[in-house]
């Protein structure tokens, strides 16, 4: 059974747009517009370096909701902080390494804890007050209902 993760309302501040993770997201978006994935090329910024510092994320847009899935293997509900605005989701993870107190000389040490923060811009406006988050088998799943769309109305142009 999936565990519920609280989603907090996040208030954006102007300095947030200057964070490196936000700039990376923007560069990825620009590169995707220039070179769509259907052309089969991997972006240099999609390399192993970026994957180790932040979770891989899928964003799926449906008719009435947006679903964000993040691979947070090794993190539990208590290690994660999820916040949302009407057009972004921020996932933070903080975990201490369980093997930090091990005694002895390591021959190889690859298991370590790393803090991360990832902000994702959403493809549509959502009602962040109704967002739901669950975690199961290392996958964090956020379901964000879209804001009801307003219909476009034609305006009559009058003579001045």
N, C-alpha and C. Protein backbone atom coordinates (compact mmCIF):
# COMPACT_ATOMS: atom_id res chain seq x y z
N UNK A 1 0.85 -1.18 0.00
CA UNK A 1 0.00 0.00 0.00
C UNK A 1 0.88 1.23 0.00
N UNK A 2 0.48 2.24 -0.73
CA UNK A 2 1.25 3.47 -0.84
C UNK A 2 1.10 4.31 0.43
N UNK A 3 2.15 4.99 0.82
CA UNK A 3 2.15 5.86 1.99
C UNK A 3 1.89 7.29 1.55
N UNK A 4 1.03 7.98 2.26
CA UNK A 4 0.72 9.37 1.93
C UNK A 4 1.87 10.28 2.36
N UNK A 5 2.25 11.21 1.51
CA UNK A 5 3.28 12.19 1.79
C UNK A 5 2.61 13.56 1.78
N UNK A 6 2.82 14.38 2.82
CA UNK A 6 2.15 15.69 2.81
C UNK A 6 2.73 16.60 1.73
N UNK A 7 1.84 17.37 1.09
CA UNK A 7 2.25 18.35 0.08
C UNK A 7 1.97 19.72 0.67
N UNK A 8 3.02 20.53 0.80
CA UNK A 8 2.88 21.86 1.39
C UNK A 8 2.70 22.90 0.30
N UNK A 9 2.00 23.96 0.62
CA UNK A 9 1.89 25.09 -0.31
C UNK A 9 3.20 25.84 -0.25
N UNK A 10 3.77 26.09 -1.40
CA UNK A 10 5.06 26.76 -1.49
C UNK A 10 4.87 28.15 -2.04
N UNK A 11 5.39 29.13 -1.35
CA UNK A 11 5.31 30.50 -1.85
C UNK A 11 6.61 30.83 -2.55
N UNK A 12 6.51 31.23 -3.81
CA UNK A 12 7.71 31.54 -4.58
C UNK A 12 8.25 32.90 -4.19
N UNK A 13 9.56 33.01 -4.23
CA UNK A 13 10.19 34.31 -4.02
C UNK A 13 11.06 34.60 -5.22
N UNK A 14 11.38 35.87 -5.47
CA UNK A 14 12.15 36.22 -6.66
C UNK A 14 13.52 35.57 -6.72
N UNK A 15 14.15 35.35 -5.56
CA UNK A 15 15.48 34.75 -5.57
C UNK A 15 15.45 33.30 -6.01
N UNK A 16 14.29 32.64 -5.92
CA UNK A 16 14.19 31.23 -6.28
C UNK A 16 14.49 31.02 -7.75
N UNK A 17 14.19 31.97 -8.59
CA UNK A 17 14.43 31.81 -10.02
C UNK A 17 15.92 31.84 -10.36
N UNK A 18 16.76 32.23 -9.42
CA UNK A 18 18.19 32.28 -9.65
C UNK A 18 18.92 31.01 -9.23
N UNK A 19 18.20 30.05 -8.65
CA UNK A 19 18.83 28.81 -8.19
C UNK A 19 19.35 28.02 -9.38
N UNK A 20 20.49 27.35 -9.22
CA UNK A 20 21.03 26.54 -10.32
C UNK A 20 20.06 25.48 -10.82
N UNK A 21 19.31 24.85 -9.92
CA UNK A 21 18.39 23.81 -10.37
C UNK A 21 17.30 24.38 -11.27
N UNK A 22 16.85 25.59 -10.99
CA UNK A 22 15.85 26.24 -11.83
C UNK A 22 16.44 26.58 -13.19
N UNK A 23 17.68 27.06 -13.19
CA UNK A 23 18.33 27.39 -14.45
C UNK A 23 18.56 26.14 -15.29
N UNK A 24 18.90 25.02 -14.65
CA UNK A 24 19.09 23.76 -15.36
C UNK A 24 17.78 23.30 -15.99
N UNK A 25 16.69 23.41 -15.23
CA UNK A 25 15.37 23.05 -15.76
C UNK A 25 15.06 23.88 -17.00
N UNK A 26 15.36 25.18 -16.93
CA UNK A 26 15.09 26.07 -18.05
C UNK A 26 15.95 25.70 -19.26
N UNK A 27 17.24 25.36 -19.04
CA UNK A 27 18.11 24.95 -20.13
C UNK A 27 17.62 23.65 -20.77
N UNK A 28 17.15 22.71 -19.92
CA UNK A 28 16.61 21.45 -20.45
C UNK A 28 15.39 21.72 -21.32
N UNK A 29 14.53 22.65 -20.87
CA UNK A 29 13.33 22.99 -21.64
C UNK A 29 13.71 23.60 -22.99
N UNK A 30 14.68 24.52 -22.99
CA UNK A 30 15.13 25.13 -24.24
C UNK A 30 15.73 24.08 -25.17
N UNK A 31 16.56 23.20 -24.64
CA UNK A 31 17.19 22.18 -25.46
C UNK A 31 16.14 21.23 -26.04
N UNK A 32 15.13 20.92 -25.26
CA UNK A 32 14.07 20.03 -25.75
C UNK A 32 13.29 20.69 -26.88
N UNK A 33 13.08 22.01 -26.80
CA UNK A 33 12.40 22.72 -27.88
C UNK A 33 13.26 22.73 -29.15
N UNK A 34 14.57 22.90 -28.98
CA UNK A 34 15.46 22.94 -30.13
C UNK A 34 15.69 21.56 -30.75
N UNK A 35 15.86 20.56 -29.90
CA UNK A 35 16.19 19.21 -30.36
C UNK A 35 15.24 18.20 -29.71
N UNK A 36 14.07 17.99 -30.27
CA UNK A 36 13.11 17.06 -29.66
C UNK A 36 13.70 15.66 -29.51
N UNK A 37 13.27 14.96 -28.48
CA UNK A 37 13.77 13.61 -28.19
C UNK A 37 13.52 12.64 -29.35
N UNK A 38 12.52 12.92 -30.16
CA UNK A 38 12.22 12.00 -31.26
C UNK A 38 13.40 11.88 -32.22
N UNK A 39 14.35 12.83 -32.15
CA UNK A 39 15.53 12.75 -32.98
C UNK A 39 16.57 11.80 -32.40
N UNK A 40 16.33 11.32 -31.20
CA UNK A 40 17.16 10.27 -30.61
C UNK A 40 18.50 10.69 -30.07
N UNK A 41 18.70 11.93 -29.76
CA UNK A 41 19.98 12.34 -29.20
C UNK A 41 19.85 12.59 -27.69
N UNK A 42 20.82 12.10 -26.92
CA UNK A 42 20.80 12.45 -25.49
C UNK A 42 21.44 13.81 -25.29
N UNK A 43 20.87 14.60 -24.43
CA UNK A 43 21.47 15.90 -24.12
C UNK A 43 22.68 15.71 -23.22
N UNK A 44 23.71 16.54 -23.38
CA UNK A 44 24.86 16.44 -22.48
C UNK A 44 24.47 16.63 -21.03
N UNK A 45 23.46 17.48 -20.75
CA UNK A 45 23.07 17.72 -19.36
C UNK A 45 22.22 16.58 -18.81
N UNK A 46 21.91 15.59 -19.64
CA UNK A 46 21.18 14.44 -19.13
C UNK A 46 22.14 13.33 -18.71
N UNK A 47 23.40 13.65 -18.60
CA UNK A 47 24.41 12.66 -18.28
C UNK A 47 24.33 12.19 -16.84
N UNK A 48 25.23 11.33 -16.49
CA UNK A 48 25.25 10.71 -15.17
C UNK A 48 25.41 11.74 -14.05
N UNK A 49 26.11 12.84 -14.30
CA UNK A 49 26.33 13.84 -13.26
C UNK A 49 25.01 14.36 -12.71
N UNK A 50 24.07 14.73 -13.60
CA UNK A 50 22.82 15.30 -13.12
C UNK A 50 21.93 14.24 -12.48
N UNK A 51 21.99 13.02 -12.95
CA UNK A 51 21.15 11.97 -12.39
C UNK A 51 21.53 11.66 -10.95
N UNK A 52 22.78 11.84 -10.58
CA UNK A 52 23.19 11.51 -9.23
C UNK A 52 22.86 12.61 -8.23
N UNK A 53 22.58 13.82 -8.69
CA UNK A 53 22.32 14.91 -7.76
C UNK A 53 20.84 15.19 -7.56
N UNK A 54 19.97 14.68 -8.40
CA UNK A 54 18.54 14.90 -8.28
C UNK A 54 17.81 13.71 -8.87
N UNK A 55 16.61 13.43 -8.37
CA UNK A 55 15.88 12.27 -8.88
C UNK A 55 15.42 12.48 -10.32
N UNK A 56 15.31 11.38 -11.05
CA UNK A 56 14.72 11.43 -12.38
C UNK A 56 13.22 11.60 -12.22
N UNK A 57 12.63 12.40 -13.10
CA UNK A 57 11.23 12.76 -12.95
C UNK A 57 10.49 12.59 -14.27
N UNK A 58 9.27 12.06 -14.20
CA UNK A 58 8.35 12.01 -15.33
C UNK A 58 7.18 12.92 -15.01
N UNK A 59 6.74 13.69 -16.00
CA UNK A 59 5.56 14.56 -15.86
C UNK A 59 4.59 14.16 -16.95
N UNK A 60 3.38 13.76 -16.54
CA UNK A 60 2.35 13.32 -17.48
C UNK A 60 1.14 14.24 -17.35
N UNK A 61 0.72 14.81 -18.47
CA UNK A 61 -0.46 15.67 -18.46
C UNK A 61 -1.66 14.87 -18.96
N UNK A 62 -2.72 14.90 -18.19
CA UNK A 62 -3.98 14.26 -18.58
C UNK A 62 -5.05 15.34 -18.70
N UNK A 63 -6.25 14.94 -19.09
CA UNK A 63 -7.33 15.92 -19.30
C UNK A 63 -7.60 16.76 -18.06
N UNK A 64 -7.66 16.12 -16.89
CA UNK A 64 -8.06 16.85 -15.68
C UNK A 64 -7.00 16.90 -14.60
N UNK A 65 -5.81 16.35 -14.85
CA UNK A 65 -4.78 16.35 -13.83
C UNK A 65 -3.39 16.24 -14.43
N UNK A 66 -2.40 16.53 -13.61
CA UNK A 66 -1.00 16.33 -13.97
C UNK A 66 -0.43 15.37 -12.95
N UNK A 67 0.32 14.39 -13.45
CA UNK A 67 0.95 13.42 -12.57
C UNK A 67 2.46 13.58 -12.68
N UNK A 68 3.12 13.69 -11.53
CA UNK A 68 4.57 13.79 -11.47
C UNK A 68 5.07 12.57 -10.70
N UNK A 69 5.96 11.80 -11.33
CA UNK A 69 6.57 10.65 -10.66
C UNK A 69 8.07 10.91 -10.53
N UNK A 70 8.61 10.66 -9.35
CA UNK A 70 10.03 10.88 -9.10
C UNK A 70 10.63 9.61 -8.50
N UNK A 71 11.78 9.20 -9.03
CA UNK A 71 12.49 8.04 -8.52
C UNK A 71 13.30 8.47 -7.30
N UNK A 72 12.82 8.12 -6.13
CA UNK A 72 13.48 8.51 -4.88
C UNK A 72 13.90 7.28 -4.09
N UNK A 73 14.50 6.35 -4.78
CA UNK A 73 14.94 5.10 -4.15
C UNK A 73 15.84 5.38 -2.95
N UNK A 74 15.57 4.71 -1.85
CA UNK A 74 16.37 4.88 -0.64
C UNK A 74 15.86 5.96 0.29
N UNK A 75 14.89 6.75 -0.17
CA UNK A 75 14.32 7.80 0.66
C UNK A 75 12.94 7.35 1.15
N UNK A 76 12.64 7.65 2.40
CA UNK A 76 11.32 7.31 2.94
C UNK A 76 10.51 8.60 3.08
N UNK A 77 9.29 8.44 3.53
CA UNK A 77 8.38 9.57 3.69
C UNK A 77 8.99 10.65 4.57
N UNK A 78 9.67 10.25 5.64
CA UNK A 78 10.24 11.22 6.57
C UNK A 78 11.46 11.94 6.01
N UNK A 79 12.06 11.40 4.95
CA UNK A 79 13.24 12.02 4.33
C UNK A 79 12.87 13.05 3.27
N UNK A 80 11.58 13.13 2.91
CA UNK A 80 11.16 13.96 1.78
C UNK A 80 10.31 15.14 2.24
N UNK A 81 10.43 16.24 1.50
CA UNK A 81 9.60 17.42 1.70
C UNK A 81 9.10 17.82 0.31
N UNK A 82 7.78 17.84 0.15
CA UNK A 82 7.18 18.15 -1.15
C UNK A 82 6.35 19.41 -1.00
N UNK A 83 6.56 20.38 -1.91
CA UNK A 83 5.76 21.59 -1.89
C UNK A 83 5.31 21.90 -3.32
N UNK A 84 4.23 22.66 -3.43
CA UNK A 84 3.66 22.94 -4.75
C UNK A 84 3.12 24.35 -4.81
N UNK A 85 3.17 24.93 -6.00
CA UNK A 85 2.49 26.19 -6.29
C UNK A 85 1.51 25.87 -7.41
N UNK A 86 0.90 26.90 -7.99
CA UNK A 86 -0.05 26.63 -9.06
C UNK A 86 0.61 26.18 -10.36
N UNK A 87 1.95 26.34 -10.48
CA UNK A 87 2.61 25.89 -11.72
C UNK A 87 3.96 25.22 -11.51
N UNK A 88 4.34 24.91 -10.26
CA UNK A 88 5.59 24.20 -9.99
C UNK A 88 5.42 23.19 -8.87
N UNK A 89 6.33 22.22 -8.85
CA UNK A 89 6.43 21.26 -7.76
C UNK A 89 7.89 21.22 -7.35
N UNK A 90 8.15 21.26 -6.04
CA UNK A 90 9.51 21.15 -5.53
C UNK A 90 9.59 19.93 -4.62
N UNK A 91 10.59 19.10 -4.88
CA UNK A 91 10.82 17.90 -4.07
C UNK A 91 12.20 18.04 -3.45
N UNK A 92 12.25 17.93 -2.12
CA UNK A 92 13.53 17.98 -1.40
C UNK A 92 13.71 16.65 -0.69
N UNK A 93 14.94 16.17 -0.71
CA UNK A 93 15.27 14.95 0.01
C UNK A 93 16.49 15.16 0.86
N UNK A 94 16.45 14.66 2.08
CA UNK A 94 17.59 14.79 2.99
C UNK A 94 17.67 13.51 3.79
N UNK A 95 18.81 12.86 3.73
CA UNK A 95 18.96 11.57 4.40
C UNK A 95 20.39 11.42 4.88
N UNK A 96 20.53 10.88 6.05
CA UNK A 96 21.85 10.58 6.59
C UNK A 96 22.25 9.17 6.19
N UNK A 97 23.52 8.98 5.90
CA UNK A 97 24.01 7.66 5.53
C UNK A 97 23.96 6.74 6.74
N UNK A 98 23.42 5.54 6.54
CA UNK A 98 23.31 4.58 7.63
C UNK A 98 24.65 3.95 7.97
N UNK A 99 25.59 3.99 7.03
CA UNK A 99 26.87 3.33 7.27
C UNK A 99 27.95 4.31 7.72
N UNK A 100 27.57 5.53 8.14
CA UNK A 100 28.57 6.51 8.55
C UNK A 100 29.32 6.08 9.80
N UNK A 101 28.69 5.27 10.65
CA UNK A 101 29.32 4.87 11.89
C UNK A 101 30.12 3.58 11.76
N UNK A 102 30.19 3.02 10.57
CA UNK A 102 30.94 1.78 10.36
C UNK A 102 32.41 2.02 10.63
N UNK A 103 33.03 1.08 11.32
CA UNK A 103 34.46 1.17 11.62
C UNK A 103 35.22 0.35 10.59
N UNK A 104 36.45 0.74 10.33
CA UNK A 104 37.28 -0.02 9.41
C UNK A 104 37.69 0.81 8.21
N UNK A 105 38.58 0.26 7.42
CA UNK A 105 39.04 0.92 6.21
C UNK A 105 38.21 0.43 5.04
N UNK A 106 37.59 1.35 4.35
CA UNK A 106 36.77 0.98 3.21
C UNK A 106 37.66 0.66 2.01
N UNK A 107 37.39 -0.46 1.37
CA UNK A 107 38.04 -0.78 0.11
C UNK A 107 37.31 -0.05 -1.02
N UNK A 108 36.00 0.00 -0.91
CA UNK A 108 35.16 0.73 -1.86
C UNK A 108 33.97 1.28 -1.09
N UNK A 109 33.61 2.52 -1.38
CA UNK A 109 32.46 3.13 -0.72
C UNK A 109 31.65 3.88 -1.75
N UNK A 110 30.52 3.31 -2.14
CA UNK A 110 29.65 3.92 -3.13
C UNK A 110 28.30 4.32 -2.54
N UNK A 111 27.95 3.76 -1.41
CA UNK A 111 26.67 4.05 -0.79
C UNK A 111 26.84 5.25 0.12
N UNK A 112 26.17 6.31 -0.24
CA UNK A 112 26.24 7.51 0.58
C UNK A 112 24.92 8.26 0.47
N UNK A 113 24.69 9.12 1.43
CA UNK A 113 23.47 9.92 1.43
C UNK A 113 23.77 11.27 0.82
N UNK A 114 22.80 11.77 0.11
CA UNK A 114 22.99 13.05 -0.55
C UNK A 114 21.69 13.83 -0.50
N UNK A 115 21.78 15.08 -0.13
CA UNK A 115 20.60 15.93 -0.14
C UNK A 115 20.34 16.37 -1.57
N UNK A 116 19.08 16.56 -1.91
CA UNK A 116 18.75 17.06 -3.24
C UNK A 116 17.55 17.97 -3.15
N UNK A 117 17.39 18.77 -4.18
CA UNK A 117 16.19 19.57 -4.35
C UNK A 117 15.95 19.70 -5.84
N UNK A 118 14.73 19.45 -6.26
CA UNK A 118 14.38 19.52 -7.67
C UNK A 118 13.05 20.24 -7.81
N UNK A 119 13.03 21.29 -8.62
CA UNK A 119 11.80 22.02 -8.90
C UNK A 119 11.44 21.78 -10.36
N UNK A 120 10.19 21.42 -10.58
CA UNK A 120 9.72 21.12 -11.93
C UNK A 120 8.59 22.08 -12.26
N UNK A 121 8.70 22.72 -13.42
CA UNK A 121 7.61 23.57 -13.91
C UNK A 121 6.56 22.68 -14.55
N UNK A 122 5.31 22.93 -14.24
CA UNK A 122 4.21 22.11 -14.74
C UNK A 122 3.68 22.67 -16.06
N UNK A 123 3.13 21.80 -16.93
CA UNK A 123 2.64 22.26 -18.23
C UNK A 123 1.30 22.98 -18.18
N UNK A 124 0.66 23.01 -17.02
CA UNK A 124 -0.63 23.70 -16.87
C UNK A 124 -0.78 24.14 -15.43
N UNK A 125 -1.71 25.05 -15.19
CA UNK A 125 -1.97 25.49 -13.82
C UNK A 125 -2.73 24.40 -13.07
N UNK A 126 -2.38 24.22 -11.79
CA UNK A 126 -3.02 23.19 -10.98
C UNK A 126 -3.57 23.81 -9.70
N UNK A 127 -4.49 23.08 -9.08
CA UNK A 127 -5.01 23.49 -7.78
C UNK A 127 -4.12 22.83 -6.73
N UNK A 128 -3.10 23.55 -6.27
CA UNK A 128 -2.12 22.97 -5.36
C UNK A 128 -2.70 22.62 -3.99
N UNK A 129 -3.86 23.16 -3.65
CA UNK A 129 -4.48 22.83 -2.36
C UNK A 129 -5.08 21.43 -2.37
N UNK A 130 -5.31 20.86 -3.57
CA UNK A 130 -5.89 19.52 -3.68
C UNK A 130 -4.87 18.48 -4.14
N UNK A 131 -3.60 18.83 -4.10
CA UNK A 131 -2.55 17.92 -4.54
C UNK A 131 -2.42 16.75 -3.56
N UNK A 132 -2.10 15.59 -4.12
CA UNK A 132 -1.89 14.38 -3.30
C UNK A 132 -0.54 13.77 -3.67
N UNK A 133 0.13 13.22 -2.66
CA UNK A 133 1.42 12.58 -2.90
C UNK A 133 1.47 11.26 -2.16
N UNK A 134 1.98 10.23 -2.85
CA UNK A 134 2.16 8.92 -2.24
C UNK A 134 3.56 8.41 -2.59
N UNK A 135 4.05 7.50 -1.76
CA UNK A 135 5.34 6.88 -2.04
C UNK A 135 5.20 5.37 -1.88
N UNK A 136 5.74 4.65 -2.87
CA UNK A 136 5.68 3.20 -2.83
C UNK A 136 6.85 2.66 -3.66
N UNK A 137 7.60 1.75 -3.09
CA UNK A 137 8.71 1.09 -3.78
C UNK A 137 9.68 2.07 -4.42
N UNK A 138 10.02 3.14 -3.70
CA UNK A 138 11.00 4.10 -4.20
C UNK A 138 10.49 5.07 -5.25
N UNK A 139 9.18 5.08 -5.50
CA UNK A 139 8.60 6.00 -6.47
C UNK A 139 7.65 6.96 -5.74
N UNK A 140 7.93 8.24 -5.87
CA UNK A 140 7.06 9.27 -5.33
C UNK A 140 6.10 9.67 -6.44
N UNK A 141 4.80 9.63 -6.16
CA UNK A 141 3.80 9.95 -7.17
C UNK A 141 2.95 11.11 -6.67
N UNK A 142 2.94 12.19 -7.44
CA UNK A 142 2.14 13.37 -7.12
C UNK A 142 1.01 13.48 -8.12
N UNK A 143 -0.19 13.70 -7.62
CA UNK A 143 -1.35 13.90 -8.48
C UNK A 143 -1.88 15.30 -8.19
N UNK A 144 -1.87 16.12 -9.22
CA UNK A 144 -2.25 17.53 -9.08
C UNK A 144 -3.41 17.83 -10.02
N UNK A 145 -4.60 18.09 -9.48
CA UNK A 145 -5.75 18.40 -10.36
C UNK A 145 -5.56 19.75 -11.03
N UNK A 146 -5.91 19.79 -12.31
CA UNK A 146 -5.80 21.04 -13.06
C UNK A 146 -6.86 22.03 -12.61
N UNK A 147 -6.55 23.30 -12.76
CA UNK A 147 -7.52 24.35 -12.51
C UNK A 147 -8.51 24.31 -13.66
N UNK A 148 -9.78 24.52 -13.35
CA UNK A 148 -10.79 24.51 -14.41
C UNK A 148 -10.46 25.58 -15.43
N UNK A 149 -10.54 25.19 -16.67
CA UNK A 149 -10.22 26.12 -17.75
C UNK A 149 -11.36 27.10 -17.95
N UNK A 150 -10.98 28.31 -18.29
CA UNK A 150 -12.00 29.29 -18.67
C UNK A 150 -12.04 29.31 -20.19
N UNK A 151 -13.23 29.46 -20.72
CA UNK A 151 -13.38 29.45 -22.17
C UNK A 151 -12.98 30.80 -22.76
N UNK A 152 -12.45 30.75 -23.96
CA UNK A 152 -12.07 31.96 -24.67
C UNK A 152 -13.33 32.59 -25.24
N UNK A 153 -13.46 33.88 -25.08
CA UNK A 153 -14.61 34.62 -25.60
C UNK A 153 -14.14 35.61 -26.66
N UNK A 154 -14.93 35.72 -27.70
CA UNK A 154 -14.63 36.69 -28.76
C UNK A 154 -15.13 38.06 -28.33
N UNK A 155 -14.37 39.08 -28.68
CA UNK A 155 -14.77 40.45 -28.36
C UNK A 155 -15.16 41.16 -29.65
N UNK A 156 -16.18 42.00 -29.54
CA UNK A 156 -16.59 42.80 -30.68
C UNK A 156 -15.80 44.08 -30.66
N UNK A 157 -15.24 44.40 -31.81
CA UNK A 157 -14.44 45.63 -31.91
C UNK A 157 -15.37 46.76 -32.31
N UNK A 158 -15.36 47.78 -31.50
CA UNK A 158 -16.24 48.94 -31.74
C UNK A 158 -15.43 50.08 -32.35
N UNK A 159 -16.11 50.92 -33.09
CA UNK A 159 -15.48 52.10 -33.64
C UNK A 159 -15.19 53.08 -32.51
N UNK A 160 -14.05 53.76 -32.59
CA UNK A 160 -13.68 54.71 -31.54
C UNK A 160 -14.35 56.04 -31.72
